[in-house]
Amino acid sequence: MKARFSSPWSKLVMLGGLLGLLGTAPALAQNANFEAITLGSGSLTGSAQGHTSGFFTLSTIAGRDRSGNICAGFAASTPDHILTLQQDFSSLTVQVNSGGNDTTLLIQGPNDNEIRCGDDTDRRNLDASVQDNDFRAGTYRIWVGTHDQGQRHNYTLTVGQ
């Protein structure tokens, strides 16, 4: 069936609707590349596995996080994991274990403006870690990246108090 436009206004309304859908596409994309993690009263720790890869610059999401840490690295354009917190956590640690490869983390949520970024755990361990206070109940998107584009490292992501 061919669409018919009776006036220039109907074309604008149609175009506006399409642009509106395109503008909300990232908000609708809640799928993750790998396993999801849910923490709540019955489970205060969780883990998931995945691998790094990608050419998407994490600084595109945020140049710095809420504490002023630089958001660095390259990952897939979609989150690697979705973390659902069923309750507030006064303190939480998100840790990558890739065998000491140089990884990075970006955590976004529960709103789009709340960003946490992490890099090396310490000088001898290049795996990324984020330890922070005040994780409110909600949905968080997690990207696990590397400092060089396209590097592939298998990892385990652990989340807990």
C-alpha atoms as a PDB file:
ATOM      1  CA  MET A   1       0.000   0.000   0.000  1.00  0.00           C
ATOM      2  CA  LYS A   2       1.432   3.354  -1.052  1.00  0.00           C
ATOM      3  CA  ALA A   3       1.265   6.255   1.411  1.00  0.00           C
ATOM      4  CA  ARG A   4      -0.527   9.360   0.141  1.00  0.00           C
ATOM      5  CA  PHE A   5       0.056  12.812   1.508  1.00  0.00           C
ATOM      6  CA  SER A   6      -2.795  15.226   0.969  1.00  0.00           C
ATOM      7  CA  SER A   7      -0.900  18.297   2.116  1.00  0.00           C
ATOM      8  CA  PRO A   8       2.585  19.519   2.974  1.00  0.00           C
ATOM      9  CA  TRP A   9       1.543  19.434   6.656  1.00  0.00           C
ATOM     10  CA  SER A  10       0.893  15.697   6.550  1.00  0.00           C
ATOM     11  CA  LYS A  11       4.416  15.185   5.192  1.00  0.00           C
ATOM     12  CA  LEU A  12       5.823  17.218   8.092  1.00  0.00           C
ATOM     13  CA  VAL A  13       3.790  15.256  10.632  1.00  0.00           C
ATOM     14  CA  MET A  14       5.033  11.975   9.131  1.00  0.00           C
ATOM     15  CA  LEU A  15       8.652  13.205   9.092  1.00  0.00           C
ATOM     16  CA  GLY A  16       8.348  14.452  12.673  1.00  0.00           C
ATOM     17  CA  GLY A  17       7.067  11.067  13.794  1.00  0.00           C
ATOM     18  CA  LEU A  18       9.966   9.273  12.115  1.00  0.00           C
ATOM     19  CA  LEU A  19      12.516  11.653  13.629  1.00  0.00           C
ATOM     20  CA  GLY A  20      10.900  11.175  17.024  1.00  0.00           C
ATOM     21  CA  LEU A  21      11.325   7.420  16.731  1.00  0.00           C
ATOM     22  CA  LEU A  22      14.940   7.784  15.660  1.00  0.00           C
ATOM     23  CA  GLY A  23      15.651  10.105  18.565  1.00  0.00           C
ATOM     24  CA  THR A  24      14.395   7.565  21.094  1.00  0.00           C
ATOM     25  CA  ALA A  25      16.171   4.556  19.609  1.00  0.00           C
ATOM     26  CA  PRO A  26      19.159   4.646  22.034  1.00  0.00           C
ATOM     27  CA  ALA A  27      16.785   4.888  24.996  1.00  0.00           C
ATOM     28  CA  LEU A  28      14.944   1.789  23.760  1.00  0.00           C
ATOM     29  CA  ALA A  29      18.163  -0.201  23.276  1.00  0.00           C
ATOM     30  CA  GLN A  30      18.453  -1.948  26.648  1.00  0.00           C
ATOM     31  CA  ASN A  31      19.904  -5.167  25.254  1.00  0.00           C
ATOM     32  CA  ALA A  32      23.359  -6.209  26.350  1.00  0.00           C
ATOM     33  CA  ASN A  33      26.049  -8.115  24.493  1.00  0.00           C
ATOM     34  CA  PHE A  34      26.511 -10.611  27.361  1.00  0.00           C
ATOM     35  CA  GLU A  35      24.900 -11.788  30.614  1.00  0.00           C
ATOM     36  CA  ALA A  36      22.877  -9.534  32.895  1.00  0.00           C
ATOM     37  CA  ILE A  37      23.420  -9.297  36.654  1.00  0.00           C
ATOM     38  CA  THR A  38      20.691  -8.690  39.244  1.00  0.00           C
ATOM     39  CA  LEU A  39      21.421  -7.857  42.876  1.00  0.00           C
ATOM     40  CA  GLY A  40      18.858  -7.602  45.647  1.00  0.00           C
ATOM     41  CA  SER A  41      18.022  -8.834  49.120  1.00  0.00           C
ATOM     42  CA  GLY A  42      18.568 -12.476  48.131  1.00  0.00           C
ATOM     43  CA  SER A  43      21.777 -11.896  46.178  1.00  0.00           C
ATOM     44  CA  LEU A  44      24.365  -9.307  47.184  1.00  0.00           C
ATOM     45  CA  THR A  45      27.042 -10.414  44.697  1.00  0.00           C
ATOM     46  CA  GLY A  46      26.976 -11.504  41.083  1.00  0.00           C
ATOM     47  CA  SER A  47      29.204 -12.218  38.133  1.00  0.00           C
ATOM     48  CA  ALA A  48      29.048 -12.518  34.367  1.00  0.00           C
ATOM     49  CA  GLN A  49      31.447 -13.389  31.592  1.00  0.00           C
ATOM     50  CA  GLY A  50      32.228 -11.727  28.303  1.00  0.00           C
ATOM     51  CA  HIS A  51      35.024 -10.524  26.072  1.00  0.00           C
ATOM     52  CA  THR A  52      36.262  -7.105  25.084  1.00  0.00           C
ATOM     53  CA  SER A  53      36.083  -5.941  21.512  1.00  0.00           C
ATOM     54  CA  GLY A  54      34.996  -2.900  19.682  1.00  0.00           C
ATOM     55  CA  PHE A  55      35.873   0.342  18.051  1.00  0.00           C
ATOM     56  CA  PHE A  56      33.424   2.648  19.884  1.00  0.00           C
ATOM     57  CA  THR A  57      35.199   5.344  21.901  1.00  0.00           C
ATOM     58  CA  LEU A  58      33.806   5.331  25.457  1.00  0.00           C
ATOM     59  CA  SER A  59      34.590   9.043  25.822  1.00  0.00           C
ATOM     60  CA  THR A  60      31.703   9.565  23.372  1.00  0.00           C
ATOM     61  CA  ILE A  61      29.351   8.689  26.249  1.00  0.00           C
ATOM     62  CA  ALA A  62      31.232  10.851  28.756  1.00  0.00           C
ATOM     63  CA  GLY A  63      34.658  12.473  28.842  1.00  0.00           C
ATOM     64  CA  ARG A  64      34.744  12.309  32.642  1.00  0.00           C
ATOM     65  CA  ASP A  65      32.608  10.672  35.308  1.00  0.00           C
ATOM     66  CA  ARG A  66      30.885  12.231  38.320  1.00  0.00           C
ATOM     67  CA  SER A  67      34.154  12.096  40.316  1.00  0.00           C
ATOM     68  CA  GLY A  68      36.257  13.645  37.551  1.00  0.00           C
ATOM     69  CA  ASN A  69      37.856  10.374  36.413  1.00  0.00           C
ATOM     70  CA  ILE A  70      38.642  10.170  32.695  1.00  0.00           C
ATOM     71  CA  CYS A  71      36.435   7.767  30.731  1.00  0.00           C
ATOM     72  CA  ALA A  72      38.845   5.993  28.388  1.00  0.00           C
ATOM     73  CA  GLY A  73      38.942   2.993  26.136  1.00  0.00           C
ATOM     74  CA  PHE A  74      37.169   1.313  23.273  1.00  0.00           C
ATOM     75  CA  ALA A  75      34.215  -1.073  23.477  1.00  0.00           C
ATOM     76  CA  ALA A  76      31.117  -2.123  21.572  1.00  0.00           C
ATOM     77  CA  SER A  77      28.555   0.637  21.006  1.00  0.00           C
ATOM     78  CA  THR A  78      25.960  -1.281  23.030  1.00  0.00           C
ATOM     79  CA  PRO A  79      26.490  -2.140  26.708  1.00  0.00           C
ATOM     80  CA  ASP A  80      28.193  -5.409  27.529  1.00  0.00           C
ATOM     81  CA  HIS A  81      26.074  -6.032  30.643  1.00  0.00           C
ATOM     82  CA  ILE A  82      22.915  -4.741  32.272  1.00  0.00           C
ATOM     83  CA  LEU A  83      23.090  -4.502  36.069  1.00  0.00           C
ATOM     84  CA  THR A  84      19.779  -4.336  37.909  1.00  0.00           C
ATOM     85  CA  LEU A  85      19.845  -3.271  41.546  1.00  0.00           C
ATOM     86  CA  GLN A  86      16.602  -4.140  43.328  1.00  0.00           C
ATOM     87  CA  GLN A  87      17.613  -2.075  46.361  1.00  0.00           C
ATOM     88  CA  ASP A  88      19.976   0.776  47.248  1.00  0.00           C
ATOM     89  CA  PHE A  89      23.603  -0.127  47.987  1.00  0.00           C
ATOM     90  CA  SER A  90      25.683   2.198  50.170  1.00  0.00           C
ATOM     91  CA  SER A  91      28.863   0.783  48.611  1.00  0.00           C
ATOM     92  CA  LEU A  92      29.478  -1.379  45.566  1.00  0.00           C
ATOM     93  CA  THR A  93      32.531  -2.648  43.667  1.00  0.00           C
ATOM     94  CA  VAL A  94      32.483  -3.555  39.988  1.00  0.00           C
ATOM     95  CA  GLN A  95      35.646  -5.486  39.057  1.00  0.00           C
ATOM     96  CA  VAL A  96      36.973  -6.864  35.765  1.00  0.00           C
ATOM     97  CA  ASN A  97      39.201  -9.948  35.850  1.00  0.00           C
ATOM     98  CA  SER A  98      40.832 -10.539  32.485  1.00  0.00           C
ATOM     99  CA  GLY A  99      44.070 -11.995  33.765  1.00  0.00           C
ATOM    100  CA  GLY A 100      45.704  -8.605  34.109  1.00  0.00           C
ATOM    101  CA  ASN A 101      45.018  -7.227  30.625  1.00  0.00           C
ATOM    102  CA  ASP A 102      44.587  -3.471  30.304  1.00  0.00           C
ATOM    103  CA  THR A 103      40.814  -2.999  30.605  1.00  0.00           C
ATOM    104  CA  THR A 104      38.509  -0.053  31.294  1.00  0.00           C
ATOM    105  CA  LEU A 105      34.964   0.312  32.658  1.00  0.00           C
ATOM    106  CA  LEU A 106      32.109   2.722  32.038  1.00  0.00           C
ATOM    107  CA  ILE A 107      28.923   2.404  34.109  1.00  0.00           C
ATOM    108  CA  GLN A 108      25.883   4.508  33.204  1.00  0.00           C
ATOM    109  CA  GLY A 109      22.796   4.659  35.357  1.00  0.00           C
ATOM    110  CA  PRO A 110      20.291   4.663  36.764  1.00  0.00           C
ATOM    111  CA  ASN A 111      19.873   7.874  34.741  1.00  0.00           C
ATOM    112  CA  ASP A 112      21.827   8.762  31.595  1.00  0.00           C
ATOM    113  CA  ASN A 113      23.744  11.594  33.283  1.00  0.00           C
ATOM    114  CA  GLU A 114      25.133   9.433  36.097  1.00  0.00           C
ATOM    115  CA  ILE A 115      28.461   8.029  34.897  1.00  0.00           C
ATOM    116  CA  ARG A 116      31.187   6.101  36.723  1.00  0.00           C
ATOM    117  CA  CYS A 117      34.459   5.207  34.973  1.00  0.00           C
ATOM    118  CA  GLY A 118      37.284   2.969  36.060  1.00  0.00           C
ATOM    119  CA  ASP A 119      40.705   1.964  34.913  1.00  0.00           C
ATOM    120  CA  ASP A 120      43.601   0.057  36.482  1.00  0.00           C
ATOM    121  CA  THR A 121      43.008  -1.529  39.887  1.00  0.00           C
ATOM    122  CA  ASP A 122      46.593  -0.625  40.831  1.00  0.00           C
ATOM    123  CA  ARG A 123      50.030  -0.300  39.189  1.00  0.00           C
ATOM    124  CA  ARG A 124      50.538  -4.060  38.982  1.00  0.00           C
ATOM    125  CA  ASN A 125      46.978  -4.993  37.973  1.00  0.00           C
ATOM    126  CA  LEU A 126      45.737  -3.381  34.756  1.00  0.00           C
ATOM    127  CA  ASP A 127      42.215  -4.820  35.136  1.00  0.00           C
ATOM    128  CA  ALA A 128      39.589  -2.116  35.598  1.00  0.00           C
ATOM    129  CA  SER A 129      37.651  -1.520  38.795  1.00  0.00           C
ATOM    130  CA  VAL A 130      35.020   0.926  40.064  1.00  0.00           C
ATOM    131  CA  GLN A 131      34.360   1.227  43.774  1.00  0.00           C
ATOM    132  CA  ASP A 132      31.836   3.869  44.747  1.00  0.00           C
ATOM    133  CA  ASN A 133      29.187   4.803  47.262  1.00  0.00           C
ATOM    134  CA  ASP A 134      25.524   5.504  46.772  1.00  0.00           C
ATOM    135  CA  PHE A 135      24.355   3.069  44.120  1.00  0.00           C
ATOM    136  CA  ARG A 136      20.598   3.597  44.010  1.00  0.00           C
ATOM    137  CA  ALA A 137      18.124   0.920  42.973  1.00  0.00           C
ATOM    138  CA  GLY A 138      17.657   0.862  39.213  1.00  0.00           C
ATOM    139  CA  THR A 139      19.154  -0.238  35.928  1.00  0.00           C
ATOM    140  CA  TYR A 140      22.800   0.346  35.032  1.00  0.00           C
ATOM    141  CA  ARG A 141      24.508  -0.200  31.682  1.00  0.00           C
ATOM    142  CA  ILE A 142      28.105  -1.467  31.811  1.00  0.00           C
ATOM    143  CA  TRP A 143      30.730  -1.293  29.065  1.00  0.00           C
ATOM    144  CA  VAL A 144      34.012  -3.216  29.456  1.00  0.00           C
ATOM    145  CA  GLY A 145      36.675  -1.793  27.175  1.00  0.00           C
ATOM    146  CA  THR A 146      40.363  -1.817  26.351  1.00  0.00           C
ATOM    147  CA  HIS A 147      42.825   0.987  25.717  1.00  0.00           C
ATOM    148  CA  ASP A 148      43.461  -0.174  22.143  1.00  0.00           C
ATOM    149  CA  GLN A 149      40.730  -0.588  19.534  1.00  0.00           C
ATOM    150  CA  GLY A 150      39.549  -4.085  18.735  1.00  0.00           C
ATOM    151  CA  GLN A 151      41.546  -5.949  21.387  1.00  0.00           C
ATOM    152  CA  ARG A 152      39.822  -9.130  22.518  1.00  0.00           C
ATOM    153  CA  HIS A 153      40.271 -10.300  26.098  1.00  0.00           C
ATOM    154  CA  ASN A 154      38.013 -12.795  27.872  1.00  0.00           C
ATOM    155  CA  TYR A 155      36.937 -11.563  31.297  1.00  0.00           C
ATOM    156  CA  THR A 156      34.745 -12.163  34.309  1.00  0.00           C
ATOM    157  CA  LEU A 157      32.873  -9.167  35.703  1.00  0.00           C
ATOM    158  CA  THR A 158      32.045  -9.316  39.415  1.00  0.00           C
ATOM    159  CA  VAL A 159      29.759  -6.960  41.302  1.00  0.00           C
ATOM    160  CA  GLY A 160      29.348  -6.889  45.066  1.00  0.00           C
ATOM    161  CA  GLN A 161      29.627  -5.010  48.323  1.00  0.00           C
END
